[in-house]
Amino acid sequence: MSSSSLSDLVAERDRPGPVHHKGPGPAANGWLDPRGREHGGRAFALHRLTGLVLVFYLYLHLAVLSLLLVGSSSWSSFLGIVTAKGFLAFEVVLILTLIFHGLNGIRVALVGSGVMVSHERAIFWAGMTIGAVAIAGTALHVFGAL
C-alpha cells in the first residue's frame, strides 16, 4: 500500500460523520449484554451457559449411573444422599436450567427461521413467564408441597 493511499485512509477516518455499523452498538453494561442487543444478548449468553451446564450434567449423570454396576448397596447409599432436602435444591436449579434452555431454544428457532422476528421480545417474556410458573410448580412438587 502506498503512503498516499494510507494517508487518505487516515484522513477519511478522522473526518466527522456518521459511523456505519450493524446493530445498535454495545450497551452501557457490556458484560451483561455481550452482543449489544438488550434482552436478546442476555438470553444468548444465558443460553450458552445453560447449554454448558446441561452438557456437564449429562456426563455427571452417566458417571452416577455407573454406580449401578458396583452393586445395590452403593446405589442405595447414593439415593440416601440425593433425596436430602439440600440436594433437592440442586435438582430444582437443574430443572430451571433445562426449562430456560428449552424455552429460549424455541424462541431462537422461531426468530432465526424468520417466523416471529417482530415479536421477539413478546416471545421472550412469554417463555420466561411460562418458565417461572413451571419452575414454581416443580419446586413445590420436589419439596413435597403438592
C-alpha atoms as a PDB file:
ATOM      1  CA  MET A   1       0.000   0.000   0.000  1.00  0.00           C
ATOM      2  CA  SER A   2       1.397   3.371  -0.951  1.00  0.00           C
ATOM      3  CA  SER A   3       1.855   6.135   1.553  1.00  0.00           C
ATOM      4  CA  SER A   4      -0.617   8.399  -0.275  1.00  0.00           C
ATOM      5  CA  SER A   5      -3.433   5.855  -0.036  1.00  0.00           C
ATOM      6  CA  LEU A   6      -2.587   5.266   3.623  1.00  0.00           C
ATOM      7  CA  SER A   7      -2.763   8.974   4.348  1.00  0.00           C
ATOM      8  CA  ASP A   8      -6.107   9.121   2.501  1.00  0.00           C
ATOM      9  CA  LEU A   9      -7.459   6.374   4.751  1.00  0.00           C
ATOM     10  CA  VAL A  10      -6.248   8.176   7.875  1.00  0.00           C
ATOM     11  CA  ALA A  11      -7.785  11.446   6.678  1.00  0.00           C
ATOM     12  CA  GLU A  12     -11.092   9.687   5.918  1.00  0.00           C
ATOM     13  CA  ARG A  13     -11.101   8.082   9.356  1.00  0.00           C
ATOM     14  CA  ASP A  14     -10.568  11.429  11.078  1.00  0.00           C
ATOM     15  CA  ARG A  15     -13.327  13.167   9.097  1.00  0.00           C
ATOM     16  CA  PRO A  16     -16.518  13.772  11.141  1.00  0.00           C
ATOM     17  CA  GLY A  17     -19.615  11.984  10.019  1.00  0.00           C
ATOM     18  CA  PRO A  18     -21.886   9.069  10.757  1.00  0.00           C
ATOM     19  CA  VAL A  19     -20.439   5.829  11.975  1.00  0.00           C
ATOM     20  CA  HIS A  20     -21.721   2.928   9.921  1.00  0.00           C
ATOM     21  CA  HIS A  21     -22.077  -0.265  11.883  1.00  0.00           C
ATOM     22  CA  LYS A  22     -24.521  -3.120  12.220  1.00  0.00           C
ATOM     23  CA  GLY A  23     -26.879  -3.104  15.182  1.00  0.00           C
ATOM     24  CA  PRO A  24     -27.492  -0.650  17.981  1.00  0.00           C
ATOM     25  CA  GLY A  25     -23.964  -0.935  19.381  1.00  0.00           C
ATOM     26  CA  PRO A  26     -22.813  -2.114  22.768  1.00  0.00           C
ATOM     27  CA  ALA A  27     -24.888  -1.301  25.810  1.00  0.00           C
ATOM     28  CA  ALA A  28     -23.514   0.616  28.772  1.00  0.00           C
ATOM     29  CA  ASN A  29     -23.354  -2.631  30.751  1.00  0.00           C
ATOM     30  CA  GLY A  30     -21.385  -4.590  28.155  1.00  0.00           C
ATOM     31  CA  TRP A  31     -20.711  -7.598  30.356  1.00  0.00           C
ATOM     32  CA  LEU A  32     -24.429  -8.285  30.714  1.00  0.00           C
ATOM     33  CA  ASP A  33     -25.071  -7.672  27.050  1.00  0.00           C
ATOM     34  CA  PRO A  34     -22.191  -9.255  25.131  1.00  0.00           C
ATOM     35  CA  ARG A  35     -23.579  -8.558  21.660  1.00  0.00           C
ATOM     36  CA  GLY A  36     -25.287  -5.215  22.287  1.00  0.00           C
ATOM     37  CA  ARG A  37     -28.813  -6.496  21.794  1.00  0.00           C
ATOM     38  CA  GLU A  38     -30.651  -5.798  25.068  1.00  0.00           C
ATOM     39  CA  HIS A  39     -32.635  -8.838  26.266  1.00  0.00           C
ATOM     40  CA  GLY A  40     -31.561 -10.894  23.263  1.00  0.00           C
ATOM     41  CA  GLY A  41     -27.895 -10.548  24.214  1.00  0.00           C
ATOM     42  CA  ARG A  42     -28.512 -11.635  27.788  1.00  0.00           C
ATOM     43  CA  ALA A  43     -30.682 -14.521  26.594  1.00  0.00           C
ATOM     44  CA  PHE A  44     -27.913 -15.509  24.158  1.00  0.00           C
ATOM     45  CA  ALA A  45     -25.285 -15.556  26.911  1.00  0.00           C
ATOM     46  CA  LEU A  46     -27.549 -17.487  29.306  1.00  0.00           C
ATOM     47  CA  HIS A  47     -28.486 -19.934  26.548  1.00  0.00           C
ATOM     48  CA  ARG A  48     -24.841 -20.800  26.016  1.00  0.00           C
ATOM     49  CA  LEU A  49     -24.188 -21.037  29.756  1.00  0.00           C
ATOM     50  CA  THR A  50     -27.177 -23.304  30.366  1.00  0.00           C
ATOM     51  CA  GLY A  51     -26.098 -25.436  27.409  1.00  0.00           C
ATOM     52  CA  LEU A  52     -22.699 -25.954  29.010  1.00  0.00           C
ATOM     53  CA  VAL A  53     -24.310 -26.767  32.369  1.00  0.00           C
ATOM     54  CA  LEU A  54     -26.563 -29.349  30.720  1.00  0.00           C
ATOM     55  CA  VAL A  55     -23.646 -30.993  28.911  1.00  0.00           C
ATOM     56  CA  PHE A  56     -21.744 -31.152  32.220  1.00  0.00           C
ATOM     57  CA  TYR A  57     -24.820 -32.682  33.883  1.00  0.00           C
ATOM     58  CA  LEU A  58     -25.118 -35.276  31.126  1.00  0.00           C
ATOM     59  CA  TYR A  59     -21.609 -36.567  31.802  1.00  0.00           C
ATOM     60  CA  LEU A  60     -22.161 -36.402  35.558  1.00  0.00           C
ATOM     61  CA  HIS A  61     -25.389 -38.359  35.149  1.00  0.00           C
ATOM     62  CA  LEU A  62     -23.610 -41.060  33.168  1.00  0.00           C
ATOM     63  CA  ALA A  63     -20.939 -41.302  35.859  1.00  0.00           C
ATOM     64  CA  VAL A  64     -23.588 -41.641  38.569  1.00  0.00           C
ATOM     65  CA  LEU A  65     -25.374 -44.362  36.628  1.00  0.00           C
ATOM     66  CA  SER A  66     -22.141 -46.334  36.662  1.00  0.00           C
ATOM     67  CA  LEU A  67     -22.794 -46.843  40.383  1.00  0.00           C
ATOM     68  CA  LEU A  68     -25.404 -49.382  39.311  1.00  0.00           C
ATOM     69  CA  LEU A  69     -22.561 -51.551  38.056  1.00  0.00           C
ATOM     70  CA  VAL A  70     -20.926 -51.555  41.501  1.00  0.00           C
ATOM     71  CA  GLY A  71     -23.913 -53.010  43.309  1.00  0.00           C
ATOM     72  CA  SER A  72     -27.159 -52.310  45.074  1.00  0.00           C
ATOM     73  CA  SER A  73     -25.545 -51.215  48.351  1.00  0.00           C
ATOM     74  CA  SER A  74     -23.621 -48.361  46.719  1.00  0.00           C
ATOM     75  CA  TRP A  75     -26.742 -47.310  44.801  1.00  0.00           C
ATOM     76  CA  SER A  76     -28.834 -47.324  47.979  1.00  0.00           C
ATOM     77  CA  SER A  77     -26.326 -45.176  49.848  1.00  0.00           C
ATOM     78  CA  PHE A  78     -26.224 -42.769  46.887  1.00  0.00           C
ATOM     79  CA  LEU A  79     -30.028 -42.493  46.918  1.00  0.00           C
ATOM     80  CA  GLY A  80     -29.842 -41.579  50.606  1.00  0.00           C
ATOM     81  CA  ILE A  81     -27.653 -38.616  49.683  1.00  0.00           C
ATOM     82  CA  VAL A  82     -29.642 -37.333  46.711  1.00  0.00           C
ATOM     83  CA  THR A  83     -33.019 -37.451  48.449  1.00  0.00           C
ATOM     84  CA  ALA A  84     -31.892 -34.990  51.140  1.00  0.00           C
ATOM     85  CA  LYS A  85     -33.610 -31.579  51.035  1.00  0.00           C
ATOM     86  CA  GLY A  86     -30.335 -29.736  50.429  1.00  0.00           C
ATOM     87  CA  PHE A  87     -29.549 -31.835  47.381  1.00  0.00           C
ATOM     88  CA  LEU A  88     -33.075 -31.457  46.040  1.00  0.00           C
ATOM     89  CA  ALA A  89     -32.440 -27.710  45.727  1.00  0.00           C
ATOM     90  CA  PHE A  90     -29.761 -28.543  43.140  1.00  0.00           C
ATOM     91  CA  GLU A  91     -32.349 -30.589  41.263  1.00  0.00           C
ATOM     92  CA  VAL A  92     -34.665 -27.573  41.128  1.00  0.00           C
ATOM     93  CA  VAL A  93     -31.798 -25.448  39.751  1.00  0.00           C
ATOM     94  CA  LEU A  94     -31.116 -28.156  37.153  1.00  0.00           C
ATOM     95  CA  ILE A  95     -34.778 -28.145  36.106  1.00  0.00           C
ATOM     96  CA  LEU A  96     -34.700 -24.329  35.946  1.00  0.00           C
ATOM     97  CA  THR A  97     -31.691 -24.583  33.648  1.00  0.00           C
ATOM     98  CA  LEU A  98     -33.450 -27.149  31.478  1.00  0.00           C
ATOM     99  CA  ILE A  99     -36.670 -25.111  31.229  1.00  0.00           C
ATOM    100  CA  PHE A 100     -34.841 -21.883  30.359  1.00  0.00           C
ATOM    101  CA  HIS A 101     -32.672 -23.589  27.757  1.00  0.00           C
ATOM    102  CA  GLY A 102     -35.636 -25.297  26.126  1.00  0.00           C
ATOM    103  CA  LEU A 103     -37.952 -22.290  26.037  1.00  0.00           C
ATOM    104  CA  ASN A 104     -35.200 -19.958  24.867  1.00  0.00           C
ATOM    105  CA  GLY A 105     -34.283 -22.511  22.200  1.00  0.00           C
ATOM    106  CA  ILE A 106     -37.845 -22.353  20.888  1.00  0.00           C
ATOM    107  CA  ARG A 107     -37.581 -18.547  20.761  1.00  0.00           C
ATOM    108  CA  VAL A 108     -34.252 -18.740  18.935  1.00  0.00           C
ATOM    109  CA  ALA A 109     -35.696 -21.219  16.418  1.00  0.00           C
ATOM    110  CA  LEU A 110     -38.754 -19.052  15.740  1.00  0.00           C
ATOM    111  CA  VAL A 111     -36.775 -15.838  15.361  1.00  0.00           C
ATOM    112  CA  GLY A 112     -33.954 -17.493  13.433  1.00  0.00           C
ATOM    113  CA  SER A 113     -36.354 -19.003  10.921  1.00  0.00           C
ATOM    114  CA  GLY A 114     -37.958 -15.605  10.376  1.00  0.00           C
ATOM    115  CA  VAL A 115     -41.382 -16.658  11.634  1.00  0.00           C
ATOM    116  CA  MET A 116     -41.817 -14.297  14.602  1.00  0.00           C
ATOM    117  CA  VAL A 117     -38.995 -11.762  14.292  1.00  0.00           C
ATOM    118  CA  SER A 118     -41.165  -8.736  15.032  1.00  0.00           C
ATOM    119  CA  HIS A 119     -42.488 -10.409  18.200  1.00  0.00           C
ATOM    120  CA  GLU A 120     -39.132 -11.494  19.645  1.00  0.00           C
ATOM    121  CA  ARG A 121     -39.479  -9.544  22.891  1.00  0.00           C
ATOM    122  CA  ALA A 122     -43.016 -10.849  23.479  1.00  0.00           C
ATOM    123  CA  ILE A 123     -41.904 -14.429  22.833  1.00  0.00           C
ATOM    124  CA  PHE A 124     -39.018 -13.970  25.266  1.00  0.00           C
ATOM    125  CA  TRP A 125     -41.252 -12.691  28.073  1.00  0.00           C
ATOM    126  CA  ALA A 126     -43.961 -15.270  27.371  1.00  0.00           C
ATOM    127  CA  GLY A 127     -41.338 -18.008  27.636  1.00  0.00           C
ATOM    128  CA  MET A 128     -39.951 -16.570  30.852  1.00  0.00           C
ATOM    129  CA  THR A 129     -43.470 -16.354  32.324  1.00  0.00           C
ATOM    130  CA  ILE A 130     -44.220 -19.950  31.368  1.00  0.00           C
ATOM    131  CA  GLY A 131     -40.841 -20.944  32.792  1.00  0.00           C
ATOM    132  CA  ALA A 132     -41.471 -19.123  36.078  1.00  0.00           C
ATOM    133  CA  VAL A 133     -44.809 -20.879  36.531  1.00  0.00           C
ATOM    134  CA  ALA A 134     -43.270 -24.238  35.610  1.00  0.00           C
ATOM    135  CA  ILE A 135     -40.330 -23.838  37.996  1.00  0.00           C
ATOM    136  CA  ALA A 136     -42.626 -22.735  40.833  1.00  0.00           C
ATOM    137  CA  GLY A 137     -44.761 -25.832  40.317  1.00  0.00           C
ATOM    138  CA  THR A 138     -41.657 -28.001  40.076  1.00  0.00           C
ATOM    139  CA  ALA A 139     -40.188 -26.599  43.305  1.00  0.00           C
ATOM    140  CA  LEU A 140     -43.464 -27.155  45.140  1.00  0.00           C
ATOM    141  CA  HIS A 141     -43.629 -30.719  43.847  1.00  0.00           C
ATOM    142  CA  VAL A 142     -39.974 -31.560  44.599  1.00  0.00           C
ATOM    143  CA  PHE A 143     -40.188 -30.263  48.140  1.00  0.00           C
ATOM    144  CA  GLY A 144     -43.464 -32.077  48.794  1.00  0.00           C
ATOM    145  CA  ALA A 145     -45.938 -29.183  48.973  1.00  0.00           C
ATOM    146  CA  LEU A 146     -48.006 -30.547  46.053  1.00  0.00           C
END
